Amino acid sequence: MNNNKKKFISSRREYKLNKLFEKNVRDNPFEQFSIWFSNAMKAGVIEPNAMVLTTSDKKNKPSSRFVLMKNFDETGFTFFTNYRSKKGKVLAENPFAALLFYWAELERQVRIEGRVKKLKKAESELYFNTRPFESRISALISVQSKKISGRNILEKKFKQLKVKYADGKVPLPDYWGGYKLIPKYFEFWQGRENRLHDRIVYQRLRRNWKIFRLAP
C-alpha cells in the first residue's frame, strides 16, 4: 500500500461545529431550509445554491450532476437547463428526482426528494432575460450532452451570435427552460463527533409534515 493510499484510508475529520435536535427545528421544512441556507451564505460558502441533482431513467439507471438552484419557496426548488440534455430527457421519462446540498464549512447537508415539473415558458423567459448576455448566447449555441468534434465549433458560433445579437435581444430557445422540484421528503444532516451525526427528516403526509430522527 503506497503512502497516498494510507493517508486516504486513515483520513478522518471530527465534526464539532453544531448540533441538531427535534425541539430546535421549525415545523415547516422550507423555513428550516431557509435558515440553513442563510447560514451558508453568511458563512461565505462558495455557491451555496449549488446542488447535486440525481435522476433515474426508465431502466432505473441513476445519474448525478451539479446544477444551481435559482429560487426556492414553499412550492419547490427551481433550476434551469437545456430540455434536450441528458437530464432533460431522463426527467421526461421519470419525473422523480433528488437534490443534495452540502455545506462543508458548516458540516451540514440537506437531502430533498420529490417530483419535478417544467415551469411555464413565461417563467423561463423572465429568468432567461436576467442572465448575462454571454450566458444567453451560450444557451443558444450549446447542444448540451451531444458529441461535438471540438471546442472550436462552439467558440466560432459564439462569436457569430455575439455579432448577430449585438443589440442584446437574445431569444429564449424552445429547448431551454426551468424545472421545479416539489418536495415530499427533506433530510437535514448535521455532522457530529464520533460519526454520531444528527439526521432529522420531514416527510409529507397529505397536507402535513411528519418529523422524525434517523440513526446516523
N, C-alpha and C. Protein backbone atom coordinates (compact mmCIF):
# COMPACT_ATOMS: atom_id res chain seq x y z
N MET A 1 0.85 -1.20 0.00
CA MET A 1 0.00 0.00 0.00
C MET A 1 0.89 1.25 0.00
N ASN A 2 0.69 2.14 -0.97
CA ASN A 2 1.53 3.32 -1.03
C ASN A 2 1.10 4.34 0.01
N ASN A 3 1.97 5.34 0.23
CA ASN A 3 1.71 6.34 1.28
C ASN A 3 0.45 7.14 1.04
N ASN A 4 0.17 7.47 -0.24
CA ASN A 4 -1.04 8.24 -0.54
C ASN A 4 -2.29 7.47 -0.18
N LYS A 5 -2.30 6.18 -0.46
CA LYS A 5 -3.47 5.37 -0.15
C LYS A 5 -3.64 5.24 1.36
N LYS A 6 -2.52 5.10 2.07
CA LYS A 6 -2.58 5.01 3.53
C LYS A 6 -3.16 6.29 4.11
N LYS A 7 -2.71 7.43 3.58
CA LYS A 7 -3.23 8.71 4.07
C LYS A 7 -4.71 8.84 3.79
N PHE A 8 -5.14 8.37 2.62
CA PHE A 8 -6.54 8.46 2.23
C PHE A 8 -7.42 7.61 3.14
N ILE A 9 -7.00 6.38 3.38
CA ILE A 9 -7.78 5.46 4.22
C ILE A 9 -7.86 5.94 5.66
N SER A 10 -6.77 6.51 6.15
CA SER A 10 -6.72 6.94 7.55
C SER A 10 -7.26 8.35 7.76
N SER A 11 -7.65 9.01 6.66
CA SER A 11 -8.13 10.38 6.77
C SER A 11 -9.43 10.44 7.57
N ARG A 12 -9.45 11.28 8.57
CA ARG A 12 -10.63 11.45 9.42
C ARG A 12 -10.81 12.92 9.76
N ARG A 13 -12.06 13.32 9.91
CA ARG A 13 -12.36 14.68 10.35
C ARG A 13 -13.48 14.59 11.36
N GLU A 14 -13.25 15.20 12.50
CA GLU A 14 -14.31 15.23 13.52
C GLU A 14 -15.19 16.45 13.28
N TYR A 15 -16.48 16.25 13.41
CA TYR A 15 -17.45 17.34 13.23
C TYR A 15 -17.90 17.85 14.60
N LYS A 16 -17.64 19.12 14.85
CA LYS A 16 -17.89 19.65 16.20
C LYS A 16 -18.62 21.00 16.20
N LEU A 17 -18.97 21.51 15.03
CA LEU A 17 -19.46 22.89 14.97
C LEU A 17 -20.87 23.09 15.53
N ASN A 18 -21.77 22.14 15.24
CA ASN A 18 -23.18 22.36 15.60
C ASN A 18 -23.86 21.08 16.05
N LYS A 19 -25.08 21.24 16.55
CA LYS A 19 -25.92 20.13 16.95
C LYS A 19 -27.31 20.37 16.36
N LEU A 20 -28.08 19.29 16.23
CA LEU A 20 -29.42 19.42 15.66
C LEU A 20 -30.39 18.55 16.46
N PHE A 21 -31.36 19.20 17.07
CA PHE A 21 -32.35 18.48 17.88
C PHE A 21 -33.77 18.77 17.37
N GLU A 22 -34.64 17.81 17.56
CA GLU A 22 -36.02 17.96 17.10
C GLU A 22 -36.68 19.21 17.70
N LYS A 23 -36.37 19.50 18.95
CA LYS A 23 -37.01 20.63 19.62
C LYS A 23 -36.58 21.98 19.05
N ASN A 24 -35.47 21.98 18.31
CA ASN A 24 -34.94 23.25 17.79
C ASN A 24 -35.30 23.53 16.33
N VAL A 25 -35.85 22.54 15.62
CA VAL A 25 -36.15 22.75 14.21
C VAL A 25 -37.55 23.34 14.03
N ARG A 26 -37.76 24.00 12.91
CA ARG A 26 -39.07 24.56 12.59
C ARG A 26 -40.04 23.45 12.19
N ASP A 27 -41.31 23.71 12.33
CA ASP A 27 -42.33 22.74 11.94
C ASP A 27 -42.39 22.58 10.42
N ASN A 28 -42.01 23.64 9.70
CA ASN A 28 -42.07 23.65 8.25
C ASN A 28 -40.65 23.47 7.68
N PRO A 29 -40.43 22.45 6.85
CA PRO A 29 -39.06 22.21 6.33
C PRO A 29 -38.54 23.33 5.44
N PHE A 30 -39.43 24.05 4.76
CA PHE A 30 -38.98 25.16 3.93
C PHE A 30 -38.41 26.29 4.80
N GLU A 31 -39.01 26.50 5.96
CA GLU A 31 -38.48 27.50 6.89
C GLU A 31 -37.13 27.06 7.43
N GLN A 32 -37.02 25.77 7.75
CA GLN A 32 -35.76 25.24 8.25
C GLN A 32 -34.67 25.36 7.19
N PHE A 33 -35.03 25.04 5.95
CA PHE A 33 -34.06 25.17 4.85
C PHE A 33 -33.64 26.62 4.69
N SER A 34 -34.57 27.54 4.77
CA SER A 34 -34.27 28.96 4.61
C SER A 34 -33.26 29.42 5.66
N ILE A 35 -33.43 28.95 6.89
CA ILE A 35 -32.49 29.30 7.96
C ILE A 35 -31.10 28.76 7.64
N TRP A 36 -31.02 27.50 7.27
CA TRP A 36 -29.72 26.90 6.96
C TRP A 36 -29.08 27.53 5.73
N PHE A 37 -29.89 27.85 4.74
CA PHE A 37 -29.34 28.48 3.54
C PHE A 37 -28.78 29.86 3.86
N SER A 38 -29.48 30.60 4.70
CA SER A 38 -28.97 31.91 5.13
C SER A 38 -27.67 31.77 5.89
N ASN A 39 -27.59 30.73 6.74
CA ASN A 39 -26.36 30.46 7.48
C ASN A 39 -25.20 30.18 6.52
N ALA A 40 -25.49 29.42 5.46
CA ALA A 40 -24.45 29.07 4.48
C ALA A 40 -23.95 30.32 3.75
N MET A 41 -24.87 31.21 3.42
CA MET A 41 -24.47 32.45 2.76
C MET A 41 -23.62 33.31 3.68
N LYS A 42 -24.02 33.42 4.95
CA LYS A 42 -23.26 34.23 5.90
C LYS A 42 -21.89 33.63 6.18
N ALA A 43 -21.78 32.30 6.08
CA ALA A 43 -20.51 31.62 6.33
C ALA A 43 -19.54 31.74 5.16
N GLY A 44 -19.99 32.35 4.07
CA GLY A 44 -19.12 32.54 2.92
C GLY A 44 -18.93 31.30 2.07
N VAL A 45 -19.89 30.37 2.12
CA VAL A 45 -19.81 29.17 1.29
C VAL A 45 -19.80 29.59 -0.18
N ILE A 46 -18.89 29.02 -0.96
CA ILE A 46 -18.83 29.32 -2.39
C ILE A 46 -20.02 28.66 -3.08
N GLU A 47 -20.82 29.45 -3.74
CA GLU A 47 -22.03 28.98 -4.41
C GLU A 47 -22.87 28.07 -3.50
N PRO A 48 -23.43 28.63 -2.44
CA PRO A 48 -24.27 27.84 -1.53
C PRO A 48 -25.50 27.26 -2.21
N ASN A 49 -25.86 27.80 -3.37
CA ASN A 49 -27.01 27.29 -4.11
C ASN A 49 -26.65 26.15 -5.06
N ALA A 50 -25.39 25.71 -5.06
CA ALA A 50 -25.00 24.56 -5.87
C ALA A 50 -25.59 23.30 -5.25
N MET A 51 -26.25 22.49 -6.07
CA MET A 51 -26.88 21.27 -5.54
C MET A 51 -26.69 20.13 -6.54
N VAL A 52 -26.57 18.93 -6.00
CA VAL A 52 -26.48 17.75 -6.84
C VAL A 52 -27.90 17.33 -7.21
N LEU A 53 -28.15 17.20 -8.48
CA LEU A 53 -29.44 16.71 -8.98
C LEU A 53 -29.25 15.26 -9.43
N THR A 54 -29.99 14.36 -8.82
CA THR A 54 -29.91 12.95 -9.20
C THR A 54 -31.22 12.52 -9.84
N THR A 55 -31.10 11.93 -11.02
CA THR A 55 -32.25 11.45 -11.76
C THR A 55 -32.08 9.96 -12.04
N SER A 56 -33.16 9.32 -12.48
CA SER A 56 -33.10 7.90 -12.81
C SER A 56 -33.98 7.65 -14.02
N ASP A 57 -33.43 7.00 -15.05
CA ASP A 57 -34.21 6.78 -16.27
C ASP A 57 -35.19 5.61 -16.10
N LYS A 58 -35.88 5.27 -17.17
CA LYS A 58 -36.91 4.23 -17.08
C LYS A 58 -36.34 2.84 -16.82
N LYS A 59 -35.02 2.69 -16.98
CA LYS A 59 -34.36 1.42 -16.67
C LYS A 59 -33.74 1.46 -15.27
N ASN A 60 -34.08 2.51 -14.50
CA ASN A 60 -33.58 2.69 -13.13
C ASN A 60 -32.07 2.92 -13.08
N LYS A 61 -31.52 3.48 -14.15
CA LYS A 61 -30.10 3.82 -14.16
C LYS A 61 -29.95 5.25 -13.65
N PRO A 62 -29.26 5.44 -12.51
CA PRO A 62 -29.14 6.78 -11.93
C PRO A 62 -28.07 7.63 -12.60
N SER A 63 -28.21 8.93 -12.45
CA SER A 63 -27.23 9.87 -12.98
C SER A 63 -27.26 11.12 -12.11
N SER A 64 -26.07 11.65 -11.78
CA SER A 64 -25.99 12.84 -10.92
C SER A 64 -25.12 13.90 -11.56
N ARG A 65 -25.46 15.17 -11.24
CA ARG A 65 -24.66 16.29 -11.70
C ARG A 65 -25.00 17.51 -10.85
N PHE A 66 -24.09 18.48 -10.80
CA PHE A 66 -24.36 19.72 -10.09
C PHE A 66 -25.16 20.67 -10.98
N VAL A 67 -26.15 21.31 -10.38
CA VAL A 67 -26.88 22.40 -11.02
C VAL A 67 -27.01 23.51 -9.98
N LEU A 68 -27.43 24.69 -10.42
CA LEU A 68 -27.60 25.80 -9.48
C LEU A 68 -29.07 26.05 -9.19
N MET A 69 -29.43 26.06 -7.92
CA MET A 69 -30.77 26.44 -7.53
C MET A 69 -30.92 27.94 -7.78
N LYS A 70 -31.98 28.32 -8.47
CA LYS A 70 -32.19 29.73 -8.78
C LYS A 70 -33.33 30.35 -7.99
N ASN A 71 -34.12 29.53 -7.32
CA ASN A 71 -35.18 30.05 -6.48
C ASN A 71 -35.73 28.92 -5.61
N PHE A 72 -36.24 29.27 -4.45
CA PHE A 72 -36.99 28.29 -3.67
C PHE A 72 -38.04 29.03 -2.85
N ASP A 73 -39.17 28.37 -2.69
CA ASP A 73 -40.24 28.86 -1.83
C ASP A 73 -41.05 27.63 -1.42
N GLU A 74 -42.22 27.83 -0.87
CA GLU A 74 -42.98 26.68 -0.37
C GLU A 74 -43.63 25.85 -1.47
N THR A 75 -43.39 26.23 -2.72
CA THR A 75 -43.88 25.40 -3.83
C THR A 75 -42.77 24.51 -4.38
N GLY A 76 -41.49 24.78 -4.03
CA GLY A 76 -40.43 23.92 -4.51
C GLY A 76 -39.12 24.63 -4.81
N PHE A 77 -38.21 23.89 -5.46
CA PHE A 77 -36.86 24.34 -5.76
C PHE A 77 -36.67 24.40 -7.27
N THR A 78 -36.22 25.54 -7.76
CA THR A 78 -36.16 25.80 -9.20
C THR A 78 -34.73 25.79 -9.74
N PHE A 79 -34.56 25.18 -10.91
CA PHE A 79 -33.29 25.23 -11.63
C PHE A 79 -33.60 25.29 -13.13
N PHE A 80 -32.59 25.66 -13.92
CA PHE A 80 -32.78 25.84 -15.36
C PHE A 80 -31.74 25.03 -16.12
N THR A 81 -32.14 24.57 -17.31
CA THR A 81 -31.22 23.76 -18.10
C THR A 81 -31.75 23.60 -19.52
N ASN A 82 -31.02 22.83 -20.32
CA ASN A 82 -31.42 22.50 -21.68
C ASN A 82 -32.35 21.29 -21.62
N TYR A 83 -33.56 21.42 -22.15
CA TYR A 83 -34.53 20.32 -22.11
C TYR A 83 -34.07 19.10 -22.91
N ARG A 84 -33.15 19.33 -23.87
CA ARG A 84 -32.66 18.22 -24.70
C ARG A 84 -31.41 17.56 -24.12
N SER A 85 -30.96 18.03 -22.98
CA SER A 85 -29.79 17.44 -22.32
C SER A 85 -30.16 16.07 -21.77
N LYS A 86 -29.16 15.37 -21.26
CA LYS A 86 -29.42 14.05 -20.69
C LYS A 86 -30.42 14.14 -19.55
N LYS A 87 -30.23 15.12 -18.65
CA LYS A 87 -31.15 15.22 -17.52
C LYS A 87 -32.55 15.57 -17.97
N GLY A 88 -32.65 16.40 -19.04
CA GLY A 88 -33.96 16.75 -19.55
C GLY A 88 -34.68 15.54 -20.12
N LYS A 89 -33.97 14.72 -20.86
CA LYS A 89 -34.57 13.52 -21.44
C LYS A 89 -34.97 12.52 -20.35
N VAL A 90 -34.11 12.39 -19.34
CA VAL A 90 -34.41 11.44 -18.26
C VAL A 90 -35.62 11.92 -17.45
N LEU A 91 -35.70 13.21 -17.19
CA LEU A 91 -36.84 13.74 -16.44
C LEU A 91 -38.14 13.58 -17.22
N ALA A 92 -38.06 13.55 -18.54
CA ALA A 92 -39.25 13.29 -19.36
C ALA A 92 -39.72 11.85 -19.20
N GLU A 93 -38.77 10.94 -18.94
CA GLU A 93 -39.09 9.53 -18.74
C GLU A 93 -39.57 9.26 -17.32
N ASN A 94 -38.88 9.89 -16.37
CA ASN A 94 -39.16 9.66 -14.95
C ASN A 94 -39.02 10.99 -14.21
N PRO A 95 -40.13 11.61 -13.82
CA PRO A 95 -40.08 12.95 -13.24
C PRO A 95 -39.68 13.01 -11.76
N PHE A 96 -39.38 11.85 -11.16
CA PHE A 96 -38.98 11.86 -9.75
C PHE A 96 -37.46 12.01 -9.65
N ALA A 97 -37.02 12.87 -8.72
CA ALA A 97 -35.60 13.17 -8.61
C ALA A 97 -35.23 13.53 -7.18
N ALA A 98 -33.93 13.70 -6.95
CA ALA A 98 -33.43 14.06 -5.62
C ALA A 98 -32.42 15.19 -5.74
N LEU A 99 -32.38 16.04 -4.72
CA LEU A 99 -31.41 17.13 -4.63
C LEU A 99 -30.53 16.91 -3.41
N LEU A 100 -29.29 17.38 -3.48
CA LEU A 100 -28.38 17.31 -2.33
C LEU A 100 -27.58 18.59 -2.25
N PHE A 101 -27.69 19.27 -1.12
CA PHE A 101 -26.86 20.43 -0.81
C PHE A 101 -25.83 19.99 0.22
N TYR A 102 -24.57 20.41 0.03
CA TYR A 102 -23.53 20.10 1.02
C TYR A 102 -22.74 21.37 1.30
N TRP A 103 -22.74 21.77 2.56
CA TRP A 103 -22.05 22.97 3.00
C TRP A 103 -20.96 22.56 4.00
N ALA A 104 -19.78 22.26 3.48
CA ALA A 104 -18.69 21.73 4.30
C ALA A 104 -18.31 22.69 5.42
N GLU A 105 -18.37 23.99 5.14
CA GLU A 105 -17.97 24.98 6.14
C GLU A 105 -18.83 24.92 7.40
N LEU A 106 -20.05 24.41 7.26
CA LEU A 106 -20.97 24.29 8.40
C LEU A 106 -21.18 22.84 8.82
N GLU A 107 -20.49 21.92 8.12
CA GLU A 107 -20.63 20.49 8.39
C GLU A 107 -22.09 20.06 8.28
N ARG A 108 -22.73 20.50 7.20
CA ARG A 108 -24.15 20.24 7.01
C ARG A 108 -24.46 19.77 5.59
N GLN A 109 -25.52 18.98 5.48
CA GLN A 109 -26.05 18.66 4.17
C GLN A 109 -27.57 18.55 4.27
N VAL A 110 -28.23 18.77 3.14
CA VAL A 110 -29.68 18.64 3.08
C VAL A 110 -30.03 17.79 1.86
N ARG A 111 -30.80 16.74 2.09
CA ARG A 111 -31.30 15.89 1.01
C ARG A 111 -32.77 16.18 0.81
N ILE A 112 -33.19 16.28 -0.45
CA ILE A 112 -34.59 16.59 -0.78
C ILE A 112 -35.03 15.67 -1.92
N GLU A 113 -36.22 15.09 -1.78
CA GLU A 113 -36.74 14.20 -2.82
C GLU A 113 -38.15 14.65 -3.21
N GLY A 114 -38.49 14.47 -4.48
CA GLY A 114 -39.82 14.85 -4.91
C GLY A 114 -40.01 14.70 -6.41
N ARG A 115 -41.09 15.25 -6.87
CA ARG A 115 -41.45 15.19 -8.29
C ARG A 115 -41.06 16.50 -8.98
N VAL A 116 -40.58 16.38 -10.20
CA VAL A 116 -40.13 17.55 -10.96
C VAL A 116 -41.13 17.87 -12.07
N LYS A 117 -41.41 19.16 -12.24
CA LYS A 117 -42.27 19.59 -13.34
C LYS A 117 -41.62 20.77 -14.05
N LYS A 118 -41.95 20.94 -15.32
CA LYS A 118 -41.44 22.08 -16.09
C LYS A 118 -42.14 23.36 -15.66
N LEU A 119 -41.41 24.45 -15.71
CA LEU A 119 -42.01 25.76 -15.50
C LEU A 119 -42.71 26.22 -16.78
N LYS A 120 -43.63 27.15 -16.64
CA LYS A 120 -44.26 27.74 -17.81
C LYS A 120 -43.22 28.55 -18.58
N LYS A 121 -43.42 28.65 -19.89
CA LYS A 121 -42.46 29.35 -20.74
C LYS A 121 -42.23 30.79 -20.28
N ALA A 122 -43.30 31.44 -19.83
CA ALA A 122 -43.18 32.84 -19.40
C ALA A 122 -42.24 32.96 -18.20
N GLU A 123 -42.27 31.98 -17.30
CA GLU A 123 -41.38 31.99 -16.13
C GLU A 123 -39.93 31.79 -16.57
N SER A 124 -39.74 30.86 -17.50
CA SER A 124 -38.39 30.60 -18.01
C SER A 124 -37.84 31.83 -18.73
N GLU A 125 -38.69 32.47 -19.52
CA GLU A 125 -38.27 33.64 -20.28
C GLU A 125 -37.90 34.80 -19.36
N LEU A 126 -38.65 34.94 -18.28
CA LEU A 126 -38.39 36.01 -17.32
C LEU A 126 -36.99 35.84 -16.72
N TYR A 127 -36.66 34.61 -16.33
CA TYR A 127 -35.33 34.36 -15.77
C TYR A 127 -34.25 34.48 -16.85
N PHE A 128 -34.51 33.91 -18.02
CA PHE A 128 -33.52 33.92 -19.11
C PHE A 128 -33.04 35.34 -19.41
N ASN A 129 -33.97 36.29 -19.39
CA ASN A 129 -33.63 37.67 -19.73
C ASN A 129 -32.84 38.38 -18.63
N THR A 130 -32.72 37.76 -17.46
CA THR A 130 -31.90 38.34 -16.39
C THR A 130 -30.46 37.83 -16.46
N ARG A 131 -30.21 36.81 -17.27
CA ARG A 131 -28.87 36.24 -17.36
C ARG A 131 -27.93 37.19 -18.11
N PRO A 132 -26.62 37.09 -17.82
CA PRO A 132 -25.67 37.89 -18.58
C PRO A 132 -25.78 37.60 -20.08
N PHE A 133 -25.48 38.58 -20.89
CA PHE A 133 -25.58 38.46 -22.34
C PHE A 133 -24.85 37.22 -22.85
N GLU A 134 -23.62 37.00 -22.38
CA GLU A 134 -22.81 35.87 -22.86
C GLU A 134 -23.43 34.53 -22.47
N SER A 135 -24.06 34.48 -21.30
CA SER A 135 -24.69 33.23 -20.86
C SER A 135 -25.90 32.90 -21.72
N ARG A 136 -26.62 33.93 -22.15
CA ARG A 136 -27.76 33.70 -23.04
C ARG A 136 -27.29 33.19 -24.41
N ILE A 137 -26.17 33.75 -24.88
CA ILE A 137 -25.61 33.27 -26.14
C ILE A 137 -25.19 31.81 -26.01
N SER A 138 -24.55 31.46 -24.91
CA SER A 138 -24.10 30.08 -24.69
C SER A 138 -25.27 29.10 -24.69
N ALA A 139 -26.38 29.51 -24.06
CA ALA A 139 -27.56 28.64 -24.03
C ALA A 139 -28.10 28.41 -25.43
N LEU A 140 -27.94 29.40 -26.27
CA LEU A 140 -28.47 29.32 -27.63
C LEU A 140 -27.65 28.39 -28.52
N ILE A 141 -26.34 28.32 -28.28
CA ILE A 141 -25.48 27.54 -29.18
C ILE A 141 -25.20 26.13 -28.70
N SER A 142 -25.37 25.87 -27.40
CA SER A 142 -24.96 24.57 -26.87
C SER A 142 -26.00 23.48 -27.11
N VAL A 143 -25.58 22.44 -27.81
CA VAL A 143 -26.43 21.24 -27.94
C VAL A 143 -26.03 20.31 -26.79
N GLN A 144 -26.43 20.66 -25.62
CA GLN A 144 -25.93 20.04 -24.39
C GLN A 144 -26.05 18.53 -24.40
N SER A 145 -24.98 17.87 -23.98
CA SER A 145 -24.88 16.41 -23.87
C SER A 145 -24.68 15.71 -25.22
N LYS A 146 -24.57 16.48 -26.31
CA LYS A 146 -24.33 15.88 -27.62
C LYS A 146 -22.83 15.87 -27.92
N LYS A 147 -22.37 14.89 -28.70
CA LYS A 147 -20.97 14.82 -29.09
C LYS A 147 -20.66 15.94 -30.09
N ILE A 148 -19.50 16.58 -29.90
CA ILE A 148 -19.03 17.58 -30.86
C ILE A 148 -17.58 17.28 -31.18
N SER A 149 -17.13 17.73 -32.34
CA SER A 149 -15.78 17.38 -32.78
C SER A 149 -14.69 18.21 -32.11
N GLY A 150 -15.06 19.37 -31.55
CA GLY A 150 -14.07 20.19 -30.88
C GLY A 150 -14.66 21.46 -30.32
N ARG A 151 -13.92 22.09 -29.41
CA ARG A 151 -14.38 23.32 -28.77
C ARG A 151 -14.48 24.47 -29.77
N ASN A 152 -13.65 24.40 -30.81
CA ASN A 152 -13.63 25.49 -31.79
C ASN A 152 -14.99 25.74 -32.44
N ILE A 153 -15.81 24.69 -32.53
CA ILE A 153 -17.15 24.83 -33.11
C ILE A 153 -17.98 25.77 -32.25
N LEU A 154 -17.91 25.57 -30.93
CA LEU A 154 -18.66 26.41 -30.01
C LEU A 154 -18.16 27.85 -30.04
N GLU A 155 -16.83 28.01 -30.02
CA GLU A 155 -16.25 29.35 -29.99
C GLU A 155 -16.57 30.13 -31.25
N LYS A 156 -16.56 29.45 -32.40
CA LYS A 156 -16.88 30.11 -33.67
C LYS A 156 -18.34 30.58 -33.66
N LYS A 157 -19.23 29.70 -33.25
CA LYS A 157 -20.65 30.04 -33.21
C LYS A 157 -20.91 31.14 -32.19
N PHE A 158 -20.19 31.09 -31.08
CA PHE A 158 -20.35 32.10 -30.03
C PHE A 158 -20.02 33.49 -30.58
N LYS A 159 -18.93 33.60 -31.31
CA LYS A 159 -18.53 34.88 -31.90
C LYS A 159 -19.56 35.37 -32.92
N GLN A 160 -20.07 34.44 -33.71
CA GLN A 160 -21.06 34.80 -34.73
C GLN A 160 -22.34 35.37 -34.09
N LEU A 161 -22.80 34.68 -33.05
CA LEU A 161 -24.05 35.11 -32.44
C LEU A 161 -23.89 36.37 -31.59
N LYS A 162 -22.70 36.61 -31.07
CA LYS A 162 -22.47 37.87 -30.36
C LYS A 162 -22.65 39.05 -31.30
N VAL A 163 -22.24 38.86 -32.54
CA VAL A 163 -22.41 39.92 -33.54
C VAL A 163 -23.88 40.01 -33.95
N LYS A 164 -24.51 38.87 -34.19
CA LYS A 164 -25.90 38.83 -34.64
C LYS A 164 -26.84 39.47 -33.63
N TYR A 165 -26.58 39.22 -32.32
CA TYR A 165 -27.45 39.76 -31.27
C TYR A 165 -26.76 40.86 -30.48
N ALA A 166 -26.01 41.69 -31.19
CA ALA A 166 -25.28 42.78 -30.54
C ALA A 166 -26.20 43.76 -29.82
N ASP A 167 -27.48 43.76 -30.20
CA ASP A 167 -28.43 44.65 -29.53
C ASP A 167 -28.85 44.10 -28.16
N GLY A 168 -28.39 42.89 -27.82
CA GLY A 168 -28.69 42.30 -26.52
C GLY A 168 -29.98 41.52 -26.46
N LYS A 169 -30.75 41.51 -27.54
CA LYS A 169 -32.05 40.82 -27.56
C LYS A 169 -31.88 39.38 -28.03
N VAL A 170 -31.42 38.53 -27.11
CA VAL A 170 -31.20 37.11 -27.42
C VAL A 170 -32.49 36.35 -27.16
N PRO A 171 -33.02 35.63 -28.15
CA PRO A 171 -34.30 34.92 -27.95
C PRO A 171 -34.13 33.68 -27.07
N LEU A 172 -35.16 33.38 -26.31
CA LEU A 172 -35.17 32.17 -25.50
C LEU A 172 -35.31 30.96 -26.41
N PRO A 173 -34.36 30.01 -26.37
CA PRO A 173 -34.51 28.81 -27.20
C PRO A 173 -35.70 27.96 -26.72
N ASP A 174 -36.38 27.32 -27.65
CA ASP A 174 -37.51 26.47 -27.28
C ASP A 174 -37.08 25.29 -26.40
N TYR A 175 -35.81 24.92 -26.52
CA TYR A 175 -35.31 23.76 -25.80
C TYR A 175 -34.64 24.11 -24.47
N TRP A 176 -34.84 25.31 -23.99
CA TRP A 176 -34.19 25.74 -22.75
C TRP A 176 -35.23 26.31 -21.80
N GLY A 177 -35.12 25.95 -20.51
CA GLY A 177 -36.08 26.49 -19.55
C GLY A 177 -35.92 25.93 -18.16
N GLY A 178 -36.93 26.13 -17.35
CA GLY A 178 -36.84 25.80 -15.94
C GLY A 178 -37.62 24.57 -15.53
N TYR A 179 -37.18 24.03 -14.40
CA TYR A 179 -37.87 22.93 -13.73
C TYR A 179 -38.06 23.31 -12.26
N LYS A 180 -39.05 22.71 -11.66
CA LYS A 180 -39.25 22.88 -10.22
C LYS A 180 -39.43 21.52 -9.58
N LEU A 181 -38.60 21.23 -8.55
CA LEU A 181 -38.78 20.00 -7.78
C LEU A 181 -39.70 20.30 -6.61
N ILE A 182 -40.79 19.55 -6.52
CA ILE A 182 -41.80 19.72 -5.47
C ILE A 182 -41.53 18.66 -4.40
N PRO A 183 -41.02 19.06 -3.24
CA PRO A 183 -40.56 18.08 -2.24
C PRO A 183 -41.66 17.29 -1.54
N LYS A 184 -41.31 16.04 -1.29
CA LYS A 184 -42.13 15.18 -0.43
C LYS A 184 -41.31 14.69 0.77
N TYR A 185 -40.01 14.99 0.70
CA TYR A 185 -39.09 14.46 1.72
C TYR A 185 -37.91 15.41 1.86
N PHE A 186 -37.57 15.74 3.10
CA PHE A 186 -36.36 16.51 3.43
C PHE A 186 -35.58 15.73 4.48
N GLU A 187 -34.25 15.78 4.38
CA GLU A 187 -33.42 15.28 5.47
C GLU A 187 -32.33 16.31 5.76
N PHE A 188 -32.31 16.80 6.99
CA PHE A 188 -31.29 17.75 7.44
C PHE A 188 -30.24 16.98 8.23
N TRP A 189 -29.00 17.06 7.77
CA TRP A 189 -27.90 16.30 8.36
C TRP A 189 -26.89 17.26 8.95
N GLN A 190 -26.59 17.05 10.21
CA GLN A 190 -25.58 17.84 10.90
C GLN A 190 -24.47 16.93 11.38
N GLY A 191 -23.24 17.18 10.93
CA GLY A 191 -22.12 16.36 11.37
C GLY A 191 -21.89 16.48 12.86
N ARG A 192 -21.59 15.34 13.51
CA ARG A 192 -21.32 15.32 14.95
C ARG A 192 -20.09 14.47 15.24
N GLU A 193 -19.59 14.59 16.44
CA GLU A 193 -18.39 13.83 16.83
C GLU A 193 -18.65 12.33 16.82
N ASN A 194 -17.57 11.58 16.57
CA ASN A 194 -17.59 10.12 16.62
C ASN A 194 -18.55 9.49 15.61
N ARG A 195 -18.85 10.25 14.56
CA ARG A 195 -19.75 9.79 13.50
C ARG A 195 -21.18 9.57 13.98
N LEU A 196 -21.54 10.12 15.12
CA LEU A 196 -22.93 10.04 15.60
C LEU A 196 -23.67 11.28 15.12
N HIS A 197 -23.83 11.35 13.82
CA HIS A 197 -24.41 12.53 13.19
C HIS A 197 -25.90 12.67 13.50
N ASP A 198 -26.38 13.92 13.43
CA ASP A 198 -27.81 14.18 13.60
C ASP A 198 -28.48 14.15 12.22
N ARG A 199 -29.61 13.43 12.14
CA ARG A 199 -30.37 13.35 10.89
C ARG A 199 -31.86 13.55 11.23
N ILE A 200 -32.38 14.68 10.85
CA ILE A 200 -33.79 14.99 11.11
C ILE A 200 -34.54 15.02 9.79
N VAL A 201 -35.61 14.23 9.73
CA VAL A 201 -36.38 14.06 8.49
C VAL A 201 -37.75 14.72 8.59
N TYR A 202 -38.17 15.30 7.47
CA TYR A 202 -39.55 15.78 7.28
C TYR A 202 -40.15 14.97 6.14
N GLN A 203 -41.25 14.29 6.40
CA GLN A 203 -41.91 13.51 5.36
C GLN A 203 -43.33 14.01 5.17
N ARG A 204 -43.69 14.26 3.92
CA ARG A 204 -45.00 14.81 3.62
C ARG A 204 -46.08 13.75 3.76
N LEU A 205 -47.09 14.03 4.59
CA LEU A 205 -48.25 13.17 4.75
C LEU A 205 -49.49 14.02 4.51
N ARG A 206 -50.02 13.92 3.29
CA ARG A 206 -51.12 14.78 2.86
C ARG A 206 -50.70 16.24 2.99
N ARG A 207 -51.36 17.00 3.86
CA ARG A 207 -51.03 18.42 3.97
C ARG A 207 -50.06 18.73 5.10
N ASN A 208 -49.66 17.72 5.82
CA ASN A 208 -48.80 17.93 6.99
C ASN A 208 -47.43 17.30 6.79
N TRP A 209 -46.48 17.74 7.63
CA TRP A 209 -45.13 17.19 7.62
C TRP A 209 -44.89 16.42 8.91
N LYS A 210 -44.47 15.16 8.77
CA LYS A 210 -44.11 14.35 9.93
C LYS A 210 -42.61 14.49 10.14
N ILE A 211 -42.20 14.78 11.40
CA ILE A 211 -40.79 14.97 11.71
C ILE A 211 -40.28 13.82 12.56
N PHE A 212 -39.16 13.24 12.18
CA PHE A 212 -38.57 12.16 12.98
C PHE A 212 -37.07 12.12 12.77
N ARG A 213 -36.39 11.35 13.61
CA ARG A 213 -34.93 11.22 13.57
C ARG A 213 -34.53 9.88 12.99
N LEU A 214 -33.43 9.88 12.22
CA LEU A 214 -32.85 8.65 11.70
C LEU A 214 -31.52 8.39 12.40
N ALA A 215 -31.18 7.11 12.51
CA ALA A 215 -29.86 6.75 13.04
C ALA A 215 -28.80 7.18 12.05
N PRO A 216 -27.62 7.59 12.51
CA PRO A 216 -26.57 8.04 11.58
C PRO A 216 -25.99 6.88 10.77
